[in-house]
Structures are given as C-alpha cells and as structure tokens.
PDB file of N, CA and C in Angstrom:
ATOM      1  N   MET A   1      97.972  88.236 106.724  1.00  0.00           N
ATOM      2  CA  MET A   1      97.801  88.264 105.290  1.00  0.00           C
ATOM      3  C   MET A   1      99.168  88.475 104.636  1.00  0.00           C
ATOM      4  N   ARG A   2      99.450  87.698 103.628  1.00  0.00           N
ATOM      5  CA  ARG A   2     100.728  87.847 102.941  1.00  0.00           C
ATOM      6  C   ARG A   2     100.639  88.949 101.898  1.00  0.00           C
ATOM      7  N   ALA A   3     101.773  89.476 101.510  1.00  0.00           N
ATOM      8  CA  ALA A   3     101.833  90.565 100.535  1.00  0.00           C
ATOM      9  C   ALA A   3     101.326  90.093  99.181  1.00  0.00           C
ATOM     10  N   PRO A   4     100.563  90.943  98.487  1.00  0.00           N
ATOM     11  CA  PRO A   4     100.145  90.571  97.137  1.00  0.00           C
ATOM     12  C   PRO A   4     101.361  90.530  96.215  1.00  0.00           C
ATOM     13  N   ASP A   5     101.299  89.687  95.194  1.00  0.00           N
ATOM     14  CA  ASP A   5     102.430  89.542  94.277  1.00  0.00           C
ATOM     15  C   ASP A   5     102.330  90.507  93.094  1.00  0.00           C
ATOM     16  N   GLY A   6     101.722  91.652  93.325  1.00  0.00           N
ATOM     17  CA  GLY A   6     101.591  92.659  92.281  1.00  0.00           C
ATOM     18  C   GLY A   6     100.973  93.916  92.838  1.00  0.00           C
ATOM     19  N   PRO A   7     100.591  94.831  91.962  1.00  0.00           N
ATOM     20  CA  PRO A   7     100.093  96.135  92.385  1.00  0.00           C
ATOM     21  C   PRO A   7      98.779  96.083  93.157  1.00  0.00           C
ATOM     22  N   ILE A   8      98.597  97.107  93.979  1.00  0.00           N
ATOM     23  CA  ILE A   8      97.361  97.291  94.731  1.00  0.00           C
ATOM     24  C   ILE A   8      96.676  98.536  94.171  1.00  0.00           C
ATOM     25  N   LEU A   9      95.427  98.400  93.783  1.00  0.00           N
ATOM     26  CA  LEU A   9      94.648  99.518  93.262  1.00  0.00           C
ATOM     27  C   LEU A   9      93.665  99.971  94.332  1.00  0.00           C
ATOM     28  N   ILE A  10      93.682 101.278  94.628  1.00  0.00           N
ATOM     29  CA  ILE A  10      92.781 101.826  95.645  1.00  0.00           C
ATOM     30  C   ILE A  10      91.905 102.890  95.000  1.00  0.00           C
ATOM     31  N   THR A  11      90.594 102.694  95.059  1.00  0.00           N
ATOM     32  CA  THR A  11      89.671 103.757  94.660  1.00  0.00           C
ATOM     33  C   THR A  11      89.399 104.581  95.914  1.00  0.00           C
ATOM     34  N   GLY A  12      89.322 105.892  95.750  1.00  0.00           N
ATOM     35  CA  GLY A  12      89.123 106.747  96.918  1.00  0.00           C
ATOM     36  C   GLY A  12      90.362 106.898  97.762  1.00  0.00           C
ATOM     37  N   GLY A  13      91.508 106.663  97.183  1.00  0.00           N
ATOM     38  CA  GLY A  13      92.764 106.726  97.932  1.00  0.00           C
ATOM     39  C   GLY A  13      93.115 108.101  98.449  1.00  0.00           C
ATOM     40  N   SER A  14      92.612 109.136  97.819  1.00  0.00           N
ATOM     41  CA  SER A  14      92.963 110.492  98.242  1.00  0.00           C
ATOM     42  C   SER A  14      92.081 110.997  99.379  1.00  0.00           C
ATOM     43  N   GLY A  15      91.149 110.182  99.826  1.00  0.00           N
ATOM     44  CA  GLY A  15      90.292 110.572 100.948  1.00  0.00           C
ATOM     45  C   GLY A  15      90.966 110.342 102.291  1.00  0.00           C
ATOM     46  N   PHE A  16      90.248 110.643 103.351  1.00  0.00           N
ATOM     47  CA  PHE A  16      90.763 110.547 104.713  1.00  0.00           C
ATOM     48  C   PHE A  16      91.281 109.141 105.028  1.00  0.00           C
ATOM     49  N   VAL A  17      90.454 108.133 104.817  1.00  0.00           N
ATOM     50  CA  VAL A  17      90.846 106.755 105.121  1.00  0.00           C
ATOM     51  C   VAL A  17      91.862 106.247 104.097  1.00  0.00           C
ATOM     52  N   GLY A  18      91.644 106.569 102.831  1.00  0.00           N
ATOM     53  CA  GLY A  18      92.522 106.092 101.767  1.00  0.00           C
ATOM     54  C   GLY A  18      93.966 106.528 101.923  1.00  0.00           C
ATOM     55  N   GLY A  19      94.172 107.761 102.328  1.00  0.00           N
ATOM     56  CA  GLY A  19      95.533 108.261 102.524  1.00  0.00           C
ATOM     57  C   GLY A  19      96.254 107.522 103.629  1.00  0.00           C
ATOM     58  N   ARG A  20      95.549 107.268 104.698  1.00  0.00           N
ATOM     59  CA  ARG A  20      96.160 106.540 105.816  1.00  0.00           C
ATOM     60  C   ARG A  20      96.381 105.070 105.476  1.00  0.00           C
ATOM     61  N   LEU A  21      95.428 104.479 104.769  1.00  0.00           N
ATOM     62  CA  LEU A  21      95.591 103.088 104.338  1.00  0.00           C
ATOM     63  C   LEU A  21      96.775 102.958 103.380  1.00  0.00           C
ATOM     64  N   THR A  22      96.922 103.910 102.462  1.00  0.00           N
ATOM     65  CA  THR A  22      98.040 103.885 101.519  1.00  0.00           C
ATOM     66  C   THR A  22      99.368 103.888 102.258  1.00  0.00           C
ATOM     67  N   ARG A  23      99.499 104.760 103.233  1.00  0.00           N
ATOM     68  CA  ARG A  23     100.749 104.819 104.002  1.00  0.00           C
ATOM     69  C   ARG A  23     101.012 103.504 104.736  1.00  0.00           C
ATOM     70  N   ALA A  24      99.982 102.924 105.313  1.00  0.00           N
ATOM     71  CA  ALA A  24     100.148 101.647 106.028  1.00  0.00           C
ATOM     72  C   ALA A  24     100.556 100.529 105.069  1.00  0.00           C
ATOM     73  N   LEU A  25      99.948 100.496 103.882  1.00  0.00           N
ATOM     74  CA  LEU A  25     100.302  99.469 102.906  1.00  0.00           C
ATOM     75  C   LEU A  25     101.727  99.644 102.395  1.00  0.00           C
ATOM     76  N   LEU A  26     102.143 100.890 102.186  1.00  0.00           N
ATOM     77  CA  LEU A  26     103.522 101.138 101.739  1.00  0.00           C
ATOM     78  C   LEU A  26     104.542 100.719 102.795  1.00  0.00           C
ATOM     79  N   ARG A  27     104.185 100.906 104.054  1.00  0.00           N
ATOM     80  CA  ARG A  27     105.090 100.454 105.130  1.00  0.00           C
ATOM     81  C   ARG A  27     105.137  98.932 105.201  1.00  0.00           C
ATOM     82  N   ALA A  28     103.974  98.296 105.083  1.00  0.00           N
ATOM     83  CA  ALA A  28     103.896  96.840 105.220  1.00  0.00           C
ATOM     84  C   ALA A  28     104.436  96.111 103.989  1.00  0.00           C
ATOM     85  N   TRP A  29     104.110  96.603 102.803  1.00  0.00           N
ATOM     86  CA  TRP A  29     104.457  95.928 101.560  1.00  0.00           C
ATOM     87  C   TRP A  29     105.038  96.924 100.552  1.00  0.00           C
ATOM     88  N   PRO A  30     106.203  97.476 100.787  1.00  0.00           N
ATOM     89  CA  PRO A  30     106.762  98.491  99.885  1.00  0.00           C
ATOM     90  C   PRO A  30     107.009  97.975  98.465  1.00  0.00           C
ATOM     91  N   GLN A  31     107.170  96.678  98.317  1.00  0.00           N
ATOM     92  CA  GLN A  31     107.433  96.102  97.009  1.00  0.00           C
ATOM     93  C   GLN A  31     106.179  95.932  96.165  1.00  0.00           C
ATOM     94  N   ALA A  32     105.004  96.024  96.746  1.00  0.00           N
ATOM     95  CA  ALA A  32     103.766  95.719  96.023  1.00  0.00           C
ATOM     96  C   ALA A  32     103.418  96.768  94.977  1.00  0.00           C
ATOM     97  N   GLY A  33     103.641  98.037  95.255  1.00  0.00           N
ATOM     98  CA  GLY A  33     103.243  99.101  94.342  1.00  0.00           C
ATOM     99  C   GLY A  33     101.797  99.495  94.596  1.00  0.00           C
ATOM    100  N   ILE A  34     101.557 100.774  94.744  1.00  0.00           N
ATOM    101  CA  ILE A  34     100.220 101.278  95.047  1.00  0.00           C
ATOM    102  C   ILE A  34      99.791 102.231  93.939  1.00  0.00           C
ATOM    103  N   ALA A  35      98.548 102.110  93.498  1.00  0.00           N
ATOM    104  CA  ALA A  35      97.987 103.046  92.524  1.00  0.00           C
ATOM    105  C   ALA A  35      96.618 103.491  93.010  1.00  0.00           C
ATOM    106  N   TRP A  36      96.370 104.778  92.899  1.00  0.00           N
ATOM    107  CA  TRP A  36      95.041 105.326  93.180  1.00  0.00           C
ATOM    108  C   TRP A  36      94.301 105.481  91.864  1.00  0.00           C
ATOM    109  N   PHE A  37      93.009 105.199  91.869  1.00  0.00           N
ATOM    110  CA  PHE A  37      92.143 105.478  90.724  1.00  0.00           C
ATOM    111  C   PHE A  37      91.382 106.736  91.093  1.00  0.00           C
ATOM    112  N   SER A  38      91.598 107.810  90.341  1.00  0.00           N
ATOM    113  CA  SER A  38      91.067 109.112  90.704  1.00  0.00           C
ATOM    114  C   SER A  38      90.533 109.855  89.486  1.00  0.00           C
ATOM    115  N   ARG A  39      89.609 110.762  89.727  1.00  0.00           N
ATOM    116  CA  ARG A  39      89.092 111.607  88.648  1.00  0.00           C
ATOM    117  C   ARG A  39      90.097 112.664  88.209  1.00  0.00           C
ATOM    118  N   GLU A  40      91.050 112.991  89.068  1.00  0.00           N
ATOM    119  CA  GLU A  40      91.977 114.086  88.791  1.00  0.00           C
ATOM    120  C   GLU A  40      93.430 113.600  88.874  1.00  0.00           C
ATOM    121  N   ALA A  41      94.242 114.089  87.941  1.00  0.00           N
ATOM    122  CA  ALA A  41      95.658 113.725  87.939  1.00  0.00           C
ATOM    123  C   ALA A  41      96.373 114.279  89.166  1.00  0.00           C
ATOM    124  N   ALA A  42      95.897 115.396  89.690  1.00  0.00           N
ATOM    125  CA  ALA A  42      96.549 116.040  90.839  1.00  0.00           C
ATOM    126  C   ALA A  42      95.926 115.594  92.153  1.00  0.00           C
ATOM    127  N   ALA A  43      95.368 114.383  92.182  1.00  0.00           N
ATOM    128  CA  ALA A  43      94.726 113.905  93.405  1.00  0.00           C
ATOM    129  C   ALA A  43      95.723 113.834  94.540  1.00  0.00           C
ATOM    130  N   GLY A  44      95.271 114.198  95.694  1.00  0.00           N
ATOM    131  CA  GLY A  44      96.118 114.119  96.873  1.00  0.00           C
ATOM    132  C   GLY A  44      95.261 114.193  98.112  1.00  0.00           C
ATOM    133  N   ASN A  45      95.737 113.618  99.160  1.00  0.00           N
ATOM    134  CA  ASN A  45      95.023 113.672 100.420  1.00  0.00           C
ATOM    135  C   ASN A  45      94.950 115.133 100.859  1.00  0.00           C
ATOM    136  N   PRO A  46      93.758 115.646 101.148  1.00  0.00           N
ATOM    137  CA  PRO A  46      93.649 117.049 101.522  1.00  0.00           C
ATOM    138  C   PRO A  46      94.362 117.383 102.831  1.00  0.00           C
ATOM    139  N   LEU A  47      94.638 116.387 103.654  1.00  0.00           N
ATOM    140  CA  LEU A  47      95.293 116.643 104.932  1.00  0.00           C
ATOM    141  C   LEU A  47      96.807 116.599 104.832  1.00  0.00           C
ATOM    142  N   GLU A  48      97.340 115.788 103.918  1.00  0.00           N
ATOM    143  CA  GLU A  48      98.785 115.590 103.791  1.00  0.00           C
ATOM    144  C   GLU A  48      99.121 115.289 102.339  1.00  0.00           C
ATOM    145  N   ALA A  49     100.367 115.489 101.962  1.00  0.00           N
ATOM    146  CA  ALA A  49     100.799 115.166 100.599  1.00  0.00           C
ATOM    147  C   ALA A  49     100.753 113.657 100.385  1.00  0.00           C
ATOM    148  N   PRO A  50     100.416 113.214  99.165  1.00  0.00           N
ATOM    149  CA  PRO A  50     100.404 111.771  98.894  1.00  0.00           C
ATOM    150  C   PRO A  50     101.784 111.174  99.076  1.00  0.00           C
ATOM    151  N   PRO A  51     101.859 109.987  99.599  1.00  0.00           N
ATOM    152  CA  PRO A  51     103.154 109.339  99.795  1.00  0.00           C
ATOM    153  C   PRO A  51     103.752 108.876  98.475  1.00  0.00           C
ATOM    154  N   ALA A  52     105.040 108.678  98.474  1.00  0.00           N
ATOM    155  CA  ALA A  52     105.715 108.142  97.290  1.00  0.00           C
ATOM    156  C   ALA A  52     106.295 106.792  97.679  1.00  0.00           C
ATOM    157  N   PRO A  53     106.436 105.834  96.815  1.00  0.00           N
ATOM    158  CA  PRO A  53     106.022 105.870  95.427  1.00  0.00           C
ATOM    159  C   PRO A  53     104.525 105.570  95.292  1.00  0.00           C
ATOM    160  N   LEU A  54     103.888 106.331  94.466  1.00  0.00           N
ATOM    161  CA  LEU A  54     102.456 106.195  94.277  1.00  0.00           C
ATOM    162  C   LEU A  54     102.114 106.577  92.854  1.00  0.00           C
ATOM    163  N   SER A  55     101.312 105.758  92.180  1.00  0.00           N
ATOM    164  CA  SER A  55     100.820 106.076  90.846  1.00  0.00           C
ATOM    165  C   SER A  55      99.394 106.559  90.974  1.00  0.00           C
ATOM    166  N   VAL A  56      99.009 107.496  90.141  1.00  0.00           N
ATOM    167  CA  VAL A  56      97.619 107.945  90.095  1.00  0.00           C
ATOM    168  C   VAL A  56      97.088 107.642  88.698  1.00  0.00           C
ATOM    169  N   MET A  57      96.105 106.754  88.639  1.00  0.00           N
ATOM    170  CA  MET A  57      95.446 106.399  87.392  1.00  0.00           C
ATOM    171  C   MET A  57      94.209 107.276  87.291  1.00  0.00           C
ATOM    172  N   VAL A  58      94.071 108.011  86.197  1.00  0.00           N
ATOM    173  CA  VAL A  58      92.985 108.971  86.066  1.00  0.00           C
ATOM    174  C   VAL A  58      91.844 108.382  85.263  1.00  0.00           C
ATOM    175  N   GLY A  59      90.627 108.555  85.780  1.00  0.00           N
ATOM    176  CA  GLY A  59      89.439 108.101  85.074  1.00  0.00           C
ATOM    177  C   GLY A  59      88.208 108.259  85.936  1.00  0.00           C
ATOM    178  N   ASP A  60      87.065 108.030  85.326  1.00  0.00           N
ATOM    179  CA  ASP A  60      85.782 108.149  86.013  1.00  0.00           C
ATOM    180  C   ASP A  60      85.344 106.764  86.467  1.00  0.00           C
ATOM    181  N   LEU A  61      85.148 106.609  87.752  1.00  0.00           N
ATOM    182  CA  LEU A  61      84.741 105.322  88.319  1.00  0.00           C
ATOM    183  C   LEU A  61      83.381 104.862  87.792  1.00  0.00           C
ATOM    184  N   CYS A  62      82.586 105.784  87.284  1.00  0.00           N
ATOM    185  CA  CYS A  62      81.268 105.442  86.729  1.00  0.00           C
ATOM    186  C   CYS A  62      81.352 104.995  85.273  1.00  0.00           C
ATOM    187  N   SER A  63      82.554 105.002  84.697  1.00  0.00           N
ATOM    188  CA  SER A  63      82.740 104.614  83.303  1.00  0.00           C
ATOM    189  C   SER A  63      83.335 103.214  83.203  1.00  0.00           C
ATOM    190  N   PRO A  64      82.561 102.262  82.686  1.00  0.00           N
ATOM    191  CA  PRO A  64      83.106 100.906  82.521  1.00  0.00           C
ATOM    192  C   PRO A  64      84.370 100.885  81.665  1.00  0.00           C
ATOM    193  N   ASP A  65      84.436 101.730  80.629  1.00  0.00           N
ATOM    194  CA  ASP A  65      85.624 101.760  79.780  1.00  0.00           C
ATOM    195  C   ASP A  65      86.850 102.239  80.558  1.00  0.00           C
ATOM    196  N   ALA A  66      86.665 103.242  81.418  1.00  0.00           N
ATOM    197  CA  ALA A  66      87.780 103.747  82.229  1.00  0.00           C
ATOM    198  C   ALA A  66      88.262 102.676  83.196  1.00  0.00           C
ATOM    199  N   ILE A  67      87.345 101.986  83.820  1.00  0.00           N
ATOM    200  CA  ILE A  67      87.705 100.925  84.763  1.00  0.00           C
ATOM    201  C   ILE A  67      88.435  99.799  84.032  1.00  0.00           C
ATOM    202  N   ASP A  68      87.910  99.386  82.887  1.00  0.00           N
ATOM    203  CA  ASP A  68      88.570  98.330  82.105  1.00  0.00           C
ATOM    204  C   ASP A  68      89.984  98.738  81.721  1.00  0.00           C
ATOM    205  N   GLY A  69      90.160  99.994  81.300  1.00  0.00           N
ATOM    206  CA  GLY A  69      91.479 100.472  80.907  1.00  0.00           C
ATOM    207  C   GLY A  69      92.476 100.445  82.043  1.00  0.00           C
ATOM    208  N   VAL A  70      92.039 100.879  83.217  1.00  0.00           N
ATOM    209  CA  VAL A  70      92.932 100.896  84.380  1.00  0.00           C
ATOM    210  C   VAL A  70      93.293  99.473  84.804  1.00  0.00           C
ATOM    211  N   VAL A  71      92.317  98.601  84.835  1.00  0.00           N
ATOM    212  CA  VAL A  71      92.578  97.217  85.244  1.00  0.00           C
ATOM    213  C   VAL A  71      93.499  96.523  84.240  1.00  0.00           C
ATOM    214  N   LYS A  72      93.284  96.761  82.954  1.00  0.00           N
ATOM    215  CA  LYS A  72      94.162  96.156  81.941  1.00  0.00           C
ATOM    216  C   LYS A  72      95.581  96.707  82.033  1.00  0.00           C
ATOM    217  N   ALA A  73      95.712  98.010  82.248  1.00  0.00           N
ATOM    218  CA  ALA A  73      97.034  98.634  82.310  1.00  0.00           C
ATOM    219  C   ALA A  73      97.794  98.233  83.572  1.00  0.00           C
ATOM    220  N   LEU A  74      97.106  98.210  84.691  1.00  0.00           N
ATOM    221  CA  LEU A  74      97.764  97.973  85.976  1.00  0.00           C
ATOM    222  C   LEU A  74      97.844  96.493  86.350  1.00  0.00           C
ATOM    223  N   GLN A  75      96.838  95.724  85.990  1.00  0.00           N
ATOM    224  CA  GLN A  75      96.701  94.322  86.377  1.00  0.00           C
ATOM    225  C   GLN A  75      96.895  94.148  87.882  1.00  0.00           C
ATOM    226  N   PRO A  76      96.033  94.805  88.673  1.00  0.00           N
ATOM    227  CA  PRO A  76      96.198  94.743  90.130  1.00  0.00           C
ATOM    228  C   PRO A  76      95.937  93.349  90.679  1.00  0.00           C
ATOM    229  N   ARG A  77      96.627  93.025  91.760  1.00  0.00           N
ATOM    230  CA  ARG A  77      96.423  91.763  92.465  1.00  0.00           C
ATOM    231  C   ARG A  77      95.459  91.935  93.628  1.00  0.00           C
ATOM    232  N   LEU A  78      95.245  93.193  94.011  1.00  0.00           N
ATOM    233  CA  LEU A  78      94.344  93.509  95.112  1.00  0.00           C
ATOM    234  C   LEU A  78      93.680  94.842  94.796  1.00  0.00           C
ATOM    235  N   VAL A  79      92.360  94.910  94.957  1.00  0.00           N
ATOM    236  CA  VAL A  79      91.609  96.150  94.756  1.00  0.00           C
ATOM    237  C   VAL A  79      90.889  96.475  96.056  1.00  0.00           C
ATOM    238  N   LEU A  80      91.101  97.705  96.523  1.00  0.00           N
ATOM    239  CA  LEU A  80      90.429  98.185  97.732  1.00  0.00           C
ATOM    240  C   LEU A  80      89.533  99.347  97.328  1.00  0.00           C
ATOM    241  N   HIS A  81      88.232  99.159  97.449  1.00  0.00           N
ATOM    242  CA  HIS A  81      87.261 100.160  96.989  1.00  0.00           C
ATOM    243  C   HIS A  81      86.809 101.028  98.157  1.00  0.00           C
ATOM    244  N   LEU A  82      87.318 102.276  98.177  1.00  0.00           N
ATOM    245  CA  LEU A  82      86.971 103.218  99.232  1.00  0.00           C
ATOM    246  C   LEU A  82      86.249 104.444  98.687  1.00  0.00           C
ATOM    247  N   ALA A  83      86.059 104.528  97.382  1.00  0.00           N
ATOM    248  CA  ALA A  83      85.435 105.704  96.781  1.00  0.00           C
ATOM    249  C   ALA A  83      83.964 105.778  97.178  1.00  0.00           C
ATOM    250  N   ALA A  84      83.560 106.986  97.503  1.00  0.00           N
ATOM    251  CA  ALA A  84      82.166 107.222  97.896  1.00  0.00           C
ATOM    252  C   ALA A  84      81.851 108.691  97.789  1.00  0.00           C
ATOM    253  N   GLN A  85      80.585 108.996  97.759  1.00  0.00           N
ATOM    254  CA  GLN A  85      80.128 110.380  97.800  1.00  0.00           C
ATOM    255  C   GLN A  85      79.991 110.750  99.272  1.00  0.00           C
ATOM    256  N   SER A  86      80.760 111.708  99.725  1.00  0.00           N
ATOM    257  CA  SER A  86      80.773 112.021 101.157  1.00  0.00           C
ATOM    258  C   SER A  86      79.702 113.035 101.555  1.00  0.00           C
ATOM    259  N   SER A  87      79.099 113.689 100.580  1.00  0.00           N
ATOM    260  CA  SER A  87      78.075 114.686 100.897  1.00  0.00           C
ATOM    261  C   SER A  87      76.684 114.082 100.715  1.00  0.00           C
ATOM    262  N   VAL A  88      75.904 114.067 101.757  1.00  0.00           N
ATOM    263  CA  VAL A  88      74.541 113.533 101.675  1.00  0.00           C
ATOM    264  C   VAL A  88      73.709 114.387 100.728  1.00  0.00           C
ATOM    265  N   ALA A  89      73.929 115.685 100.721  1.00  0.00           N
ATOM    266  CA  ALA A  89      73.168 116.593  99.853  1.00  0.00           C
ATOM    267  C   ALA A  89      73.434 116.333  98.375  1.00  0.00           C
ATOM    268  N   ASP A  90      74.654 115.919  98.028  1.00  0.00           N
ATOM    269  CA  ASP A  90      74.993 115.655  96.641  1.00  0.00           C
ATOM    270  C   ASP A  90      74.467 114.301  96.214  1.00  0.00           C
TER     271      ASP A  90
END
C-alpha cells in the first residue's frame, strides 16, 4: 500500500491497538501526519506516552456535528476506525 497523500485520522487511537498502529504508521509514513479523534484533549495510550508528531482532535464520536467538524478541519485521506466500548457491562 502506498502512503496516503494527506493526514490519517484514527478513532480509538489511544487504545491498545491504536497506540501501536499509530507508531507503525509514523514509522512507515512519517510525512502523512496522524490525528486521533478523542473525547479528551489529554488522550494518551495508557501503556505508553503518545508518539510525536501527533494531533488530537477532540469531540464526541456519537455527534454528527463533531465528526463533520473534524473531517472538514483535517480533510483526512485515510480514516481508521478503532473506537469501541471495551466493557461488556457498559
């Protein structure tokens, strides 16, 4: 797969898989630019600090307006959707 010609947007980037995927993408395509879509500005992988350079776009994934705003602002060329509810009880 060739490098995207613009930013990569990852939902759920601060999770276990997302953090590792972010690092792999930064190694493979450092010029692409990576942004996480997160509910919190201080999002970070609980196991390790988020890699740099990394943008964190804040918003609620359940809000169409928030999603539209992030997509318009970032204009990603690739979106990787990893966000999920990890607790069965919740």
